[in-house]
Amino acid sequence: MMLGSTLRVTLIVVLIIYFAIILKLLKDKSLSLKYTLVWIFSGICMFILVLFPGLLLHMLRMLGIQGYMNGFFLFCIGFIMMILMSITSIVSRQNQKIRRLTQENALLEKRIRELEDKVNAYR
């Protein structure tokens, strides 16, 4: 089963809109470049599969997957898992940074209170 020409054109238009949204978010600094790369990579893979649907069929045959839609859903789930793992990694790193900054802030506040107490003791 191959993609119909109407479906292929529709998917290409949707992917162009997808890339435009990613680039707009990057330009507005809503997304950092290093986090945007996952979305761009996923879009490029989808674009390749839309342009060359025979490639997906070839990969499905190599993996022994019966049915075009089964394979398509398998690849979609794979992309979703890749993005979720990336986002989980980002959240984990951000959580560590927040914890470290909170601890550093608490230590600085303690030092300020101690210095204020010393200044007040000399008065």
PDB file of N, CA and C in Angstrom:
ATOM      1  N   MET A   1       0.846  -1.184   0.000  1.00  0.00           N
ATOM      2  CA  MET A   1       0.000   0.000   0.000  1.00  0.00           C
ATOM      3  C   MET A   1       0.883   1.235   0.000  1.00  0.00           C
ATOM      4  N   MET A   2       0.650   2.119  -0.889  1.00  0.00           N
ATOM      5  CA  MET A   2       1.412   3.365  -0.988  1.00  0.00           C
ATOM      6  C   MET A   2       0.509   4.534  -0.618  1.00  0.00           C
ATOM      7  N   LEU A   3       1.132   5.642  -0.294  1.00  0.00           N
ATOM      8  CA  LEU A   3       0.378   6.844   0.029  1.00  0.00           C
ATOM      9  C   LEU A   3      -0.233   7.417  -1.238  1.00  0.00           C
ATOM     10  N   GLY A   4      -1.479   7.837  -1.142  1.00  0.00           N
ATOM     11  CA  GLY A   4      -2.108   8.506  -2.264  1.00  0.00           C
ATOM     12  C   GLY A   4      -1.514   9.895  -2.445  1.00  0.00           C
ATOM     13  N   SER A   5      -1.633  10.444  -3.627  1.00  0.00           N
ATOM     14  CA  SER A   5      -1.018  11.747  -3.893  1.00  0.00           C
ATOM     15  C   SER A   5      -1.656  12.856  -3.052  1.00  0.00           C
ATOM     16  N   THR A   6      -2.956  12.791  -2.829  1.00  0.00           N
ATOM     17  CA  THR A   6      -3.615  13.806  -2.001  1.00  0.00           C
ATOM     18  C   THR A   6      -3.121  13.729  -0.558  1.00  0.00           C
ATOM     19  N   LEU A   7      -3.030  12.503  -0.030  1.00  0.00           N
ATOM     20  CA  LEU A   7      -2.533  12.314   1.331  1.00  0.00           C
ATOM     21  C   LEU A   7      -1.077  12.771   1.446  1.00  0.00           C
ATOM     22  N   ARG A   8      -0.279  12.455   0.450  1.00  0.00           N
ATOM     23  CA  ARG A   8       1.140  12.841   0.466  1.00  0.00           C
ATOM     24  C   ARG A   8       1.281  14.366   0.473  1.00  0.00           C
ATOM     25  N   VAL A   9       0.517  15.051  -0.375  1.00  0.00           N
ATOM     26  CA  VAL A   9       0.581  16.519  -0.419  1.00  0.00           C
ATOM     27  C   VAL A   9       0.110  17.104   0.912  1.00  0.00           C
ATOM     28  N   THR A  10      -0.958  16.551   1.466  1.00  0.00           N
ATOM     29  CA  THR A  10      -1.466  17.021   2.752  1.00  0.00           C
ATOM     30  C   THR A  10      -0.412  16.845   3.846  1.00  0.00           C
ATOM     31  N   LEU A  11       0.229  15.686   3.877  1.00  0.00           N
ATOM     32  CA  LEU A  11       1.261  15.434   4.884  1.00  0.00           C
ATOM     33  C   LEU A  11       2.458  16.363   4.708  1.00  0.00           C
ATOM     34  N   ILE A  12       2.837  16.647   3.478  1.00  0.00           N
ATOM     35  CA  ILE A  12       3.941  17.573   3.230  1.00  0.00           C
ATOM     36  C   ILE A  12       3.590  18.979   3.726  1.00  0.00           C
ATOM     37  N   VAL A  13       2.370  19.420   3.452  1.00  0.00           N
ATOM     38  CA  VAL A  13       1.928  20.742   3.933  1.00  0.00           C
ATOM     39  C   VAL A  13       1.933  20.771   5.461  1.00  0.00           C
ATOM     40  N   VAL A  14       1.433  19.713   6.087  1.00  0.00           N
ATOM     41  CA  VAL A  14       1.411  19.645   7.554  1.00  0.00           C
ATOM     42  C   VAL A  14       2.837  19.675   8.101  1.00  0.00           C
ATOM     43  N   LEU A  15       3.753  18.966   7.478  1.00  0.00           N
ATOM     44  CA  LEU A  15       5.140  18.963   7.938  1.00  0.00           C
ATOM     45  C   LEU A  15       5.802  20.327   7.745  1.00  0.00           C
ATOM     46  N   ILE A  16       5.470  21.023   6.690  1.00  0.00           N
ATOM     47  CA  ILE A  16       6.012  22.376   6.493  1.00  0.00           C
ATOM     48  C   ILE A  16       5.499  23.304   7.596  1.00  0.00           C
ATOM     49  N   ILE A  17       4.216  23.178   7.931  1.00  0.00           N
ATOM     50  CA  ILE A  17       3.653  23.968   9.035  1.00  0.00           C
ATOM     51  C   ILE A  17       4.342  23.587  10.347  1.00  0.00           C
ATOM     52  N   TYR A  18       4.587  22.301  10.533  1.00  0.00           N
ATOM     53  CA  TYR A  18       5.284  21.783  11.720  1.00  0.00           C
ATOM     54  C   TYR A  18       6.660  22.442  11.854  1.00  0.00           C
ATOM     55  N   PHE A  19       7.435  22.460  10.761  1.00  0.00           N
ATOM     56  CA  PHE A  19       8.756  23.082  10.788  1.00  0.00           C
ATOM     57  C   PHE A  19       8.658  24.594  11.017  1.00  0.00           C
ATOM     58  N   ALA A  20       7.647  25.233  10.441  1.00  0.00           N
ATOM     59  CA  ALA A  20       7.467  26.675  10.639  1.00  0.00           C
ATOM     60  C   ALA A  20       7.194  26.980  12.112  1.00  0.00           C
ATOM     61  N   ILE A  21       6.384  26.147  12.749  1.00  0.00           N
ATOM     62  CA  ILE A  21       6.084  26.346  14.180  1.00  0.00           C
ATOM     63  C   ILE A  21       7.343  26.156  15.014  1.00  0.00           C
ATOM     64  N   ILE A  22       8.114  25.124  14.715  1.00  0.00           N
ATOM     65  CA  ILE A  22       9.362  24.879  15.455  1.00  0.00           C
ATOM     66  C   ILE A  22      10.311  26.057  15.291  1.00  0.00           C
ATOM     67  N   LEU A  23      10.477  26.529  14.058  1.00  0.00           N
ATOM     68  CA  LEU A  23      11.387  27.655  13.823  1.00  0.00           C
ATOM     69  C   LEU A  23      10.876  28.933  14.480  1.00  0.00           C
ATOM     70  N   LYS A  24       9.561  29.139  14.492  1.00  0.00           N
ATOM     71  CA  LYS A  24       8.989  30.310  15.175  1.00  0.00           C
ATOM     72  C   LYS A  24       9.262  30.253  16.670  1.00  0.00           C
ATOM     73  N   LEU A  25       9.059  29.081  17.274  1.00  0.00           N
ATOM     74  CA  LEU A  25       9.332  28.925  18.709  1.00  0.00           C
ATOM     75  C   LEU A  25      10.818  29.130  19.011  1.00  0.00           C
ATOM     76  N   LEU A  26      11.663  28.658  18.112  1.00  0.00           N
ATOM     77  CA  LEU A  26      13.106  28.848  18.285  1.00  0.00           C
ATOM     78  C   LEU A  26      13.470  30.322  18.169  1.00  0.00           C
ATOM     79  N   LYS A  27      12.879  31.006  17.188  1.00  0.00           N
ATOM     80  CA  LYS A  27      13.143  32.432  16.988  1.00  0.00           C
ATOM     81  C   LYS A  27      12.670  33.255  18.178  1.00  0.00           C
ATOM     82  N   ASP A  28      11.508  32.905  18.737  1.00  0.00           N
ATOM     83  CA  ASP A  28      10.953  33.614  19.888  1.00  0.00           C
ATOM     84  C   ASP A  28      11.630  33.211  21.201  1.00  0.00           C
ATOM     85  N   LYS A  29      12.581  32.285  21.097  1.00  0.00           N
ATOM     86  CA  LYS A  29      13.313  31.763  22.261  1.00  0.00           C
ATOM     87  C   LYS A  29      12.384  31.071  23.254  1.00  0.00           C
ATOM     88  N   SER A  30      11.280  30.520  22.741  1.00  0.00           N
ATOM     89  CA  SER A  30      10.410  29.695  23.572  1.00  0.00           C
ATOM     90  C   SER A  30      11.005  28.303  23.738  1.00  0.00           C
ATOM     91  N   LEU A  31      11.817  27.913  22.769  1.00  0.00           N
ATOM     92  CA  LEU A  31      12.531  26.637  22.823  1.00  0.00           C
ATOM     93  C   LEU A  31      14.018  26.900  22.651  1.00  0.00           C
ATOM     94  N   SER A  32      14.811  26.174  23.415  1.00  0.00           N
ATOM     95  CA  SER A  32      16.257  26.260  23.275  1.00  0.00           C
ATOM     96  C   SER A  32      16.681  25.411  22.071  1.00  0.00           C
ATOM     97  N   LEU A  33      17.784  25.774  21.446  1.00  0.00           N
ATOM     98  CA  LEU A  33      18.245  25.057  20.256  1.00  0.00           C
ATOM     99  C   LEU A  33      18.505  23.591  20.557  1.00  0.00           C
ATOM    100  N   LYS A  34      19.143  23.303  21.696  1.00  0.00           N
ATOM    101  CA  LYS A  34      19.478  21.909  21.973  1.00  0.00           C
ATOM    102  C   LYS A  34      18.231  21.051  22.184  1.00  0.00           C
ATOM    103  N   TYR A  35      17.129  21.648  22.662  1.00  0.00           N
ATOM    104  CA  TYR A  35      15.902  20.890  22.832  1.00  0.00           C
ATOM    105  C   TYR A  35      15.106  20.822  21.535  1.00  0.00           C
ATOM    106  N   THR A  36      15.310  21.786  20.672  1.00  0.00           N
ATOM    107  CA  THR A  36      14.614  21.826  19.400  1.00  0.00           C
ATOM    108  C   THR A  36      15.134  20.744  18.448  1.00  0.00           C
ATOM    109  N   LEU A  37      16.372  20.333  18.630  1.00  0.00           N
ATOM    110  CA  LEU A  37      16.967  19.345  17.729  1.00  0.00           C
ATOM    111  C   LEU A  37      16.183  18.035  17.707  1.00  0.00           C
ATOM    112  N   VAL A  38      15.628  17.619  18.827  1.00  0.00           N
ATOM    113  CA  VAL A  38      14.823  16.388  18.857  1.00  0.00           C
ATOM    114  C   VAL A  38      13.604  16.534  17.959  1.00  0.00           C
ATOM    115  N   TRP A  39      12.943  17.698  18.042  1.00  0.00           N
ATOM    116  CA  TRP A  39      11.749  17.930  17.229  1.00  0.00           C
ATOM    117  C   TRP A  39      12.105  18.031  15.753  1.00  0.00           C
ATOM    118  N   ILE A  40      13.225  18.687  15.460  1.00  0.00           N
ATOM    119  CA  ILE A  40      13.657  18.808  14.062  1.00  0.00           C
ATOM    120  C   ILE A  40      14.015  17.431  13.503  1.00  0.00           C
ATOM    121  N   PHE A  41      14.737  16.628  14.284  1.00  0.00           N
ATOM    122  CA  PHE A  41      15.110  15.280  13.844  1.00  0.00           C
ATOM    123  C   PHE A  41      13.861  14.444  13.560  1.00  0.00           C
ATOM    124  N   SER A  42      12.873  14.518  14.445  1.00  0.00           N
ATOM    125  CA  SER A  42      11.630  13.767  14.234  1.00  0.00           C
ATOM    126  C   SER A  42      10.921  14.235  12.963  1.00  0.00           C
ATOM    127  N   GLY A  43      10.890  15.543  12.749  1.00  0.00           N
ATOM    128  CA  GLY A  43      10.253  16.080  11.549  1.00  0.00           C
ATOM    129  C   GLY A  43      10.952  15.649  10.280  1.00  0.00           C
ATOM    130  N   ILE A  44      12.294  15.634  10.315  1.00  0.00           N
ATOM    131  CA  ILE A  44      13.057  15.204   9.136  1.00  0.00           C
ATOM    132  C   ILE A  44      12.772  13.741   8.836  1.00  0.00           C
ATOM    133  N   CYS A  45      12.735  12.909   9.868  1.00  0.00           N
ATOM    134  CA  CYS A  45      12.423  11.488   9.652  1.00  0.00           C
ATOM    135  C   CYS A  45      11.028  11.317   9.061  1.00  0.00           C
ATOM    136  N   MET A  46      10.056  12.061   9.595  1.00  0.00           N
ATOM    137  CA  MET A  46       8.697  11.980   9.045  1.00  0.00           C
ATOM    138  C   MET A  46       8.665  12.459   7.601  1.00  0.00           C
ATOM    139  N   PHE A  47       9.404  13.531   7.313  1.00  0.00           N
ATOM    140  CA  PHE A  47       9.446  14.077   5.964  1.00  0.00           C
ATOM    141  C   PHE A  47      10.023  13.057   4.980  1.00  0.00           C
ATOM    142  N   ILE A  48      11.090  12.375   5.395  1.00  0.00           N
ATOM    143  CA  ILE A  48      11.706  11.349   4.540  1.00  0.00           C
ATOM    144  C   ILE A  48      10.726  10.222   4.269  1.00  0.00           C
ATOM    145  N   LEU A  49      10.002   9.806   5.318  1.00  0.00           N
ATOM    146  CA  LEU A  49       9.044   8.707   5.141  1.00  0.00           C
ATOM    147  C   LEU A  49       7.864   9.113   4.261  1.00  0.00           C
ATOM    148  N   VAL A  50       7.485  10.400   4.302  1.00  0.00           N
ATOM    149  CA  VAL A  50       6.398  10.869   3.434  1.00  0.00           C
ATOM    150  C   VAL A  50       6.873  10.949   1.983  1.00  0.00           C
ATOM    151  N   LEU A  51       8.096  11.444   1.791  1.00  0.00           N
ATOM    152  CA  LEU A  51       8.614  11.565   0.426  1.00  0.00           C
ATOM    153  C   LEU A  51       8.926  10.214  -0.202  1.00  0.00           C
ATOM    154  N   PHE A  52       9.395   9.276   0.621  1.00  0.00           N
ATOM    155  CA  PHE A  52       9.777   7.952   0.127  1.00  0.00           C
ATOM    156  C   PHE A  52       9.042   6.871   0.916  1.00  0.00           C
ATOM    157  N   PRO A  53       7.739   6.676   0.665  1.00  0.00           N
ATOM    158  CA  PRO A  53       6.980   5.687   1.428  1.00  0.00           C
ATOM    159  C   PRO A  53       7.473   4.262   1.201  1.00  0.00           C
ATOM    160  N   GLY A  54       8.137   4.021   0.094  1.00  0.00           N
ATOM    161  CA  GLY A  54       8.701   2.697  -0.163  1.00  0.00           C
ATOM    162  C   GLY A  54       9.775   2.343   0.847  1.00  0.00           C
ATOM    163  N   LEU A  55      10.433   3.359   1.381  1.00  0.00           N
ATOM    164  CA  LEU A  55      11.460   3.149   2.396  1.00  0.00           C
ATOM    165  C   LEU A  55      10.843   2.527   3.651  1.00  0.00           C
ATOM    166  N   LEU A  56       9.688   3.027   4.047  1.00  0.00           N
ATOM    167  CA  LEU A  56       8.994   2.463   5.203  1.00  0.00           C
ATOM    168  C   LEU A  56       8.601   1.011   4.935  1.00  0.00           C
ATOM    169  N   LEU A  57       8.086   0.738   3.749  1.00  0.00           N
ATOM    170  CA  LEU A  57       7.714  -0.647   3.400  1.00  0.00           C
ATOM    171  C   LEU A  57       8.932  -1.560   3.443  1.00  0.00           C
ATOM    172  N   HIS A  58      10.067  -1.082   2.943  1.00  0.00           N
ATOM    173  CA  HIS A  58      11.297  -1.873   2.959  1.00  0.00           C
ATOM    174  C   HIS A  58      11.733  -2.165   4.399  1.00  0.00           C
ATOM    175  N   MET A  59      11.676  -1.156   5.256  1.00  0.00           N
ATOM    176  CA  MET A  59      12.056  -1.357   6.664  1.00  0.00           C
ATOM    177  C   MET A  59      11.100  -2.329   7.347  1.00  0.00           C
ATOM    178  N   LEU A  60       9.811  -2.219   7.020  1.00  0.00           N
ATOM    179  CA  LEU A  60       8.823  -3.122   7.619  1.00  0.00           C
ATOM    180  C   LEU A  60       9.086  -4.566   7.208  1.00  0.00           C
ATOM    181  N   ARG A  61       9.416  -4.774   5.944  1.00  0.00           N
ATOM    182  CA  ARG A  61       9.723  -6.132   5.472  1.00  0.00           C
ATOM    183  C   ARG A  61      10.960  -6.678   6.177  1.00  0.00           C
ATOM    184  N   MET A  62      11.975  -5.812   6.346  1.00  0.00           N
ATOM    185  CA  MET A  62      13.210  -6.248   7.022  1.00  0.00           C
ATOM    186  C   MET A  62      12.924  -6.638   8.473  1.00  0.00           C
ATOM    187  N   LEU A  63      12.010  -5.942   9.129  1.00  0.00           N
ATOM    188  CA  LEU A  63      11.672  -6.233  10.516  1.00  0.00           C
ATOM    189  C   LEU A  63      10.629  -7.345  10.645  1.00  0.00           C
ATOM    190  N   GLY A  64      10.058  -7.764   9.530  1.00  0.00           N
ATOM    191  CA  GLY A  64       9.068  -8.832   9.546  1.00  0.00           C
ATOM    192  C   GLY A  64       7.702  -8.383  10.033  1.00  0.00           C
ATOM    193  N   ILE A  65       7.405  -7.108   9.866  1.00  0.00           N
ATOM    194  CA  ILE A  65       6.117  -6.563  10.316  1.00  0.00           C
ATOM    195  C   ILE A  65       5.130  -6.645   9.165  1.00  0.00           C
ATOM    196  N   GLN A  66       3.976  -7.239   9.462  1.00  0.00           N
ATOM    197  CA  GLN A  66       2.936  -7.368   8.457  1.00  0.00           C
ATOM    198  C   GLN A  66       1.993  -6.180   8.566  1.00  0.00           C
ATOM    199  N   GLY A  67       1.716  -5.563   7.490  1.00  0.00           N
ATOM    200  CA  GLY A  67       0.749  -4.467   7.467  1.00  0.00           C
ATOM    201  C   GLY A  67       1.427  -3.109   7.569  1.00  0.00           C
ATOM    202  N   TYR A  68       1.082  -2.279   6.619  1.00  0.00           N
ATOM    203  CA  TYR A  68       1.662  -0.933   6.531  1.00  0.00           C
ATOM    204  C   TYR A  68       1.298  -0.091   7.743  1.00  0.00           C
ATOM    205  N   MET A  69       0.024  -0.146   8.158  1.00  0.00           N
ATOM    206  CA  MET A  69      -0.422   0.683   9.283  1.00  0.00           C
ATOM    207  C   MET A  69       0.182   0.227  10.598  1.00  0.00           C
ATOM    208  N   ASN A  70       0.371  -1.095  10.761  1.00  0.00           N
ATOM    209  CA  ASN A  70       1.030  -1.588  11.974  1.00  0.00           C
ATOM    210  C   ASN A  70       2.438  -1.013  12.084  1.00  0.00           C
ATOM    211  N   GLY A  71       3.151  -1.021  10.996  1.00  0.00           N
ATOM    212  CA  GLY A  71       4.502  -0.474  10.988  1.00  0.00           C
ATOM    213  C   GLY A  71       4.515   1.026  11.196  1.00  0.00           C
ATOM    214  N   PHE A  72       3.550   1.694  10.572  1.00  0.00           N
ATOM    215  CA  PHE A  72       3.463   3.144  10.731  1.00  0.00           C
ATOM    216  C   PHE A  72       3.235   3.502  12.197  1.00  0.00           C
ATOM    217  N   PHE A  73       2.302   2.789  12.851  1.00  0.00           N
ATOM    218  CA  PHE A  73       2.044   3.042  14.267  1.00  0.00           C
ATOM    219  C   PHE A  73       3.266   2.686  15.123  1.00  0.00           C
ATOM    220  N   LEU A  74       3.983   1.644  14.745  1.00  0.00           N
ATOM    221  CA  LEU A  74       5.200   1.279  15.471  1.00  0.00           C
ATOM    222  C   LEU A  74       6.225   2.410  15.400  1.00  0.00           C
ATOM    223  N   PHE A  75       6.418   2.989  14.222  1.00  0.00           N
ATOM    224  CA  PHE A  75       7.362   4.101  14.084  1.00  0.00           C
ATOM    225  C   PHE A  75       6.864   5.343  14.830  1.00  0.00           C
ATOM    226  N   CYS A  76       5.561   5.589  14.787  1.00  0.00           N
ATOM    227  CA  CYS A  76       5.010   6.728  15.541  1.00  0.00           C
ATOM    228  C   CYS A  76       5.257   6.554  17.035  1.00  0.00           C
ATOM    229  N   ILE A  77       5.010   5.366  17.541  1.00  0.00           N
ATOM    230  CA  ILE A  77       5.254   5.092  18.964  1.00  0.00           C
ATOM    231  C   ILE A  77       6.738   5.250  19.271  1.00  0.00           C
ATOM    232  N   GLY A  78       7.602   4.820  18.353  1.00  0.00           N
ATOM    233  CA  GLY A  78       9.044   4.991  18.543  1.00  0.00           C
ATOM    234  C   GLY A  78       9.433   6.462  18.642  1.00  0.00           C
ATOM    235  N   PHE A  79       8.885   7.289  17.762  1.00  0.00           N
ATOM    236  CA  PHE A  79       9.161   8.732  17.820  1.00  0.00           C
ATOM    237  C   PHE A  79       8.654   9.333  19.131  1.00  0.00           C
ATOM    238  N   ILE A  80       7.462   8.936  19.526  1.00  0.00           N
ATOM    239  CA  ILE A  80       6.896   9.453  20.774  1.00  0.00           C
ATOM    240  C   ILE A  80       7.773   9.040  21.956  1.00  0.00           C
ATOM    241  N   MET A  81       8.223   7.801  21.980  1.00  0.00           N
ATOM    242  CA  MET A  81       9.098   7.340  23.062  1.00  0.00           C
ATOM    243  C   MET A  81      10.413   8.121  23.071  1.00  0.00           C
ATOM    244  N   MET A  82      10.974   8.380  21.891  1.00  0.00           N
ATOM    245  CA  MET A  82      12.220   9.141  21.808  1.00  0.00           C
ATOM    246  C   MET A  82      12.019  10.553  22.376  1.00  0.00           C
ATOM    247  N   ILE A  83      10.934  11.190  22.011  1.00  0.00           N
ATOM    248  CA  ILE A  83      10.658  12.542  22.493  1.00  0.00           C
ATOM    249  C   ILE A  83      10.395  12.532  23.995  1.00  0.00           C
ATOM    250  N   LEU A  84       9.649  11.548  24.486  1.00  0.00           N
ATOM    251  CA  LEU A  84       9.380  11.463  25.921  1.00  0.00           C
ATOM    252  C   LEU A  84      10.660  11.233  26.719  1.00  0.00           C
ATOM    253  N   MET A  85      11.542  10.383  26.215  1.00  0.00           N
ATOM    254  CA  MET A  85      12.812  10.156  26.905  1.00  0.00           C
ATOM    255  C   MET A  85      13.644  11.432  26.931  1.00  0.00           C
ATOM    256  N   SER A  86      13.657  12.157  25.841  1.00  0.00           N
ATOM    257  CA  SER A  86      14.398  13.408  25.774  1.00  0.00           C
ATOM    258  C   SER A  86      13.833  14.421  26.763  1.00  0.00           C
ATOM    259  N   ILE A  87      12.517  14.548  26.792  1.00  0.00           N
ATOM    260  CA  ILE A  87      11.873  15.504  27.707  1.00  0.00           C
ATOM    261  C   ILE A  87      12.109  15.084  29.162  1.00  0.00           C
ATOM    262  N   THR A  88      12.041  13.793  29.452  1.00  0.00           N
ATOM    263  CA  THR A  88      12.305  13.316  30.801  1.00  0.00           C
ATOM    264  C   THR A  88      13.733  13.643  31.222  1.00  0.00           C
ATOM    265  N   SER A  89      14.671  13.472  30.319  1.00  0.00           N
ATOM    266  CA  SER A  89      16.065  13.807  30.606  1.00  0.00           C
ATOM    267  C   SER A  89      16.217  15.297  30.890  1.00  0.00           C
ATOM    268  N   ILE A  90      15.561  16.117  30.099  1.00  0.00           N
ATOM    269  CA  ILE A  90      15.628  17.568  30.286  1.00  0.00           C
ATOM    270  C   ILE A  90      15.036  17.957  31.644  1.00  0.00           C
ATOM    271  N   VAL A  91      13.884  17.403  31.976  1.00  0.00           N
ATOM    272  CA  VAL A  91      13.227  17.719  33.250  1.00  0.00           C
ATOM    273  C   VAL A  91      14.107  17.277  34.416  1.00  0.00           C
ATOM    274  N   SER A  92      14.725  16.131  34.287  1.00  0.00           N
ATOM    275  CA  SER A  92      15.597  15.634  35.353  1.00  0.00           C
ATOM    276  C   SER A  92      16.780  16.569  35.577  1.00  0.00           C
ATOM    277  N   ARG A  93      17.421  16.995  34.481  1.00  0.00           N
ATOM    278  CA  ARG A  93      18.560  17.926  34.610  1.00  0.00           C
ATOM    279  C   ARG A  93      18.112  19.257  35.194  1.00  0.00           C
ATOM    280  N   GLN A  94      16.966  19.750  34.771  1.00  0.00           N
ATOM    281  CA  GLN A  94      16.463  21.017  35.304  1.00  0.00           C
ATOM    282  C   GLN A  94      16.144  20.893  36.794  1.00  0.00           C
ATOM    283  N   ASN A  95      15.604  19.748  37.200  1.00  0.00           N
ATOM    284  CA  ASN A  95      15.304  19.513  38.607  1.00  0.00           C
ATOM    285  C   ASN A  95      16.587  19.541  39.441  1.00  0.00           C
ATOM    286  N   GLN A  96      17.651  18.925  38.945  1.00  0.00           N
ATOM    287  CA  GLN A  96      18.933  18.942  39.654  1.00  0.00           C
ATOM    288  C   GLN A  96      19.479  20.363  39.765  1.00  0.00           C
ATOM    289  N   LYS A  97      19.373  21.135  38.693  1.00  0.00           N
ATOM    290  CA  LYS A  97      19.845  22.519  38.728  1.00  0.00           C
ATOM    291  C   LYS A  97      19.046  23.353  39.724  1.00  0.00           C
ATOM    292  N   ILE A  98      17.735  23.175  39.747  1.00  0.00           N
ATOM    293  CA  ILE A  98      16.882  23.923  40.674  1.00  0.00           C
ATOM    294  C   ILE A  98      17.234  23.562  42.115  1.00  0.00           C
ATOM    295  N   ARG A  99      17.435  22.274  42.380  1.00  0.00           N
ATOM    296  CA  ARG A  99      17.787  21.840  43.734  1.00  0.00           C
ATOM    297  C   ARG A  99      19.120  22.473  44.163  1.00  0.00           C
ATOM    298  N   ARG A 100      20.112  22.439  43.269  1.00  0.00           N
ATOM    299  CA  ARG A 100      21.422  23.007  43.591  1.00  0.00           C
ATOM    300  C   ARG A 100      21.324  24.515  43.823  1.00  0.00           C
ATOM    301  N   LEU A 101      20.580  25.214  42.976  1.00  0.00           N
ATOM    302  CA  LEU A 101      20.416  26.659  43.147  1.00  0.00           C
ATOM    303  C   LEU A 101      19.679  26.998  44.437  1.00  0.00           C
ATOM    304  N   THR A 102      18.696  26.200  44.792  1.00  0.00           N
ATOM    305  CA  THR A 102      17.967  26.427  46.039  1.00  0.00           C
ATOM    306  C   THR A 102      18.897  26.253  47.242  1.00  0.00           C
ATOM    307  N   GLN A 103      19.725  25.222  47.194  1.00  0.00           N
ATOM    308  CA  GLN A 103      20.674  25.001  48.284  1.00  0.00           C
ATOM    309  C   GLN A 103      21.694  26.139  48.373  1.00  0.00           C
ATOM    310  N   GLU A 104      22.215  26.563  47.217  1.00  0.00           N
ATOM    311  CA  GLU A 104      23.170  27.678  47.219  1.00  0.00           C
ATOM    312  C   GLU A 104      22.516  28.952  47.742  1.00  0.00           C
ATOM    313  N   ASN A 105      21.277  29.184  47.359  1.00  0.00           N
ATOM    314  CA  ASN A 105      20.549  30.363  47.831  1.00  0.00           C
ATOM    315  C   ASN A 105      20.367  30.318  49.351  1.00  0.00           C
ATOM    316  N   ALA A 106      20.024  29.154  49.881  1.00  0.00           N
ATOM    317  CA  ALA A 106      19.847  29.022  51.329  1.00  0.00           C
ATOM    318  C   ALA A 106      21.163  29.280  52.061  1.00  0.00           C
ATOM    319  N   LEU A 107      22.288  28.778  51.520  1.00  0.00           N
ATOM    320  CA  LEU A 107      23.595  29.026  52.144  1.00  0.00           C
ATOM    321  C   LEU A 107      23.946  30.510  52.119  1.00  0.00           C
ATOM    322  N   LEU A 108      23.651  31.177  50.997  1.00  0.00           N
ATOM    323  CA  LEU A 108      23.935  32.614  50.909  1.00  0.00           C
ATOM    324  C   LEU A 108      23.080  33.411  51.885  1.00  0.00           C
ATOM    325  N   GLU A 109      21.811  33.040  52.019  1.00  0.00           N
ATOM    326  CA  GLU A 109      20.947  33.716  52.978  1.00  0.00           C
ATOM    327  C   GLU A 109      21.463  33.536  54.401  1.00  0.00           C
ATOM    328  N   LYS A 110      21.942  32.340  54.722  1.00  0.00           N
ATOM    329  CA  LYS A 110      22.497  32.074  56.053  1.00  0.00           C
ATOM    330  C   LYS A 110      23.721  32.949  56.305  1.00  0.00           C
ATOM    331  N   ARG A 111      24.598  33.046  55.290  1.00  0.00           N
ATOM    332  CA  ARG A 111      25.798  33.879  55.448  1.00  0.00           C
ATOM    333  C   ARG A 111      25.431  35.352  55.629  1.00  0.00           C
ATOM    334  N   ILE A 112      24.425  35.808  54.906  1.00  0.00           N
ATOM    335  CA  ILE A 112      23.986  37.207  55.042  1.00  0.00           C
ATOM    336  C   ILE A 112      23.448  37.452  56.449  1.00  0.00           C
ATOM    337  N   ARG A 113      22.628  36.533  56.961  1.00  0.00           N
ATOM    338  CA  ARG A 113      22.100  36.686  58.324  1.00  0.00           C
ATOM    339  C   ARG A 113      23.232  36.718  59.348  1.00  0.00           C
ATOM    340  N   GLU A 114      24.231  35.825  59.149  1.00  0.00           N
ATOM    341  CA  GLU A 114      25.360  35.804  60.080  1.00  0.00           C
ATOM    342  C   GLU A 114      26.136  37.118  60.028  1.00  0.00           C
ATOM    343  N   LEU A 115      26.359  37.654  58.829  1.00  0.00           N
ATOM    344  CA  LEU A 115      27.067  38.931  58.695  1.00  0.00           C
ATOM    345  C   LEU A 115      26.260  40.074  59.299  1.00  0.00           C
ATOM    346  N   GLU A 116      24.939  40.054  59.086  1.00  0.00           N
ATOM    347  CA  GLU A 116      24.079  41.092  59.684  1.00  0.00           C
ATOM    348  C   GLU A 116      24.131  41.018  61.209  1.00  0.00           C
ATOM    349  N   ASP A 117      24.142  39.787  61.735  1.00  0.00           N
ATOM    350  CA  ASP A 117      24.232  39.628  63.196  1.00  0.00           C
ATOM    351  C   ASP A 117      25.556  40.176  63.719  1.00  0.00           C
ATOM    352  N   LYS A 118      26.658  39.941  63.009  1.00  0.00           N
ATOM    353  CA  LYS A 118      27.967  40.464  63.422  1.00  0.00           C
ATOM    354  C   LYS A 118      27.992  41.993  63.373  1.00  0.00           C
ATOM    355  N   VAL A 119      27.390  42.560  62.312  1.00  0.00           N
ATOM    356  CA  VAL A 119      27.344  44.021  62.190  1.00  0.00           C
ATOM    357  C   VAL A 119      26.512  44.602  63.318  1.00  0.00           C
ATOM    358  N   ASN A 120      25.380  43.981  63.612  1.00  0.00           N
ATOM    359  CA  ASN A 120      24.506  44.459  64.694  1.00  0.00           C
ATOM    360  C   ASN A 120      25.169  44.300  66.047  1.00  0.00           C
ATOM    361  N   ALA A 121      26.016  43.298  66.216  1.00  0.00           N
ATOM    362  CA  ALA A 121      26.701  43.082  67.496  1.00  0.00           C
ATOM    363  C   ALA A 121      27.734  44.186  67.740  1.00  0.00           C
ATOM    364  N   TYR A 122      28.342  44.738  66.700  1.00  0.00           N
ATOM    365  CA  TYR A 122      29.342  45.795  66.831  1.00  0.00           C
ATOM    366  C   TYR A 122      28.703  47.150  67.094  1.00  0.00           C
ATOM    367  N   ARG A 123      27.456  47.322  66.872  1.00  0.00           N
ATOM    368  CA  ARG A 123      26.781  48.621  67.058  1.00  0.00           C
ATOM    369  C   ARG A 123      26.411  48.842  68.461  1.00  0.00           C
TER     370      ARG A 123
END
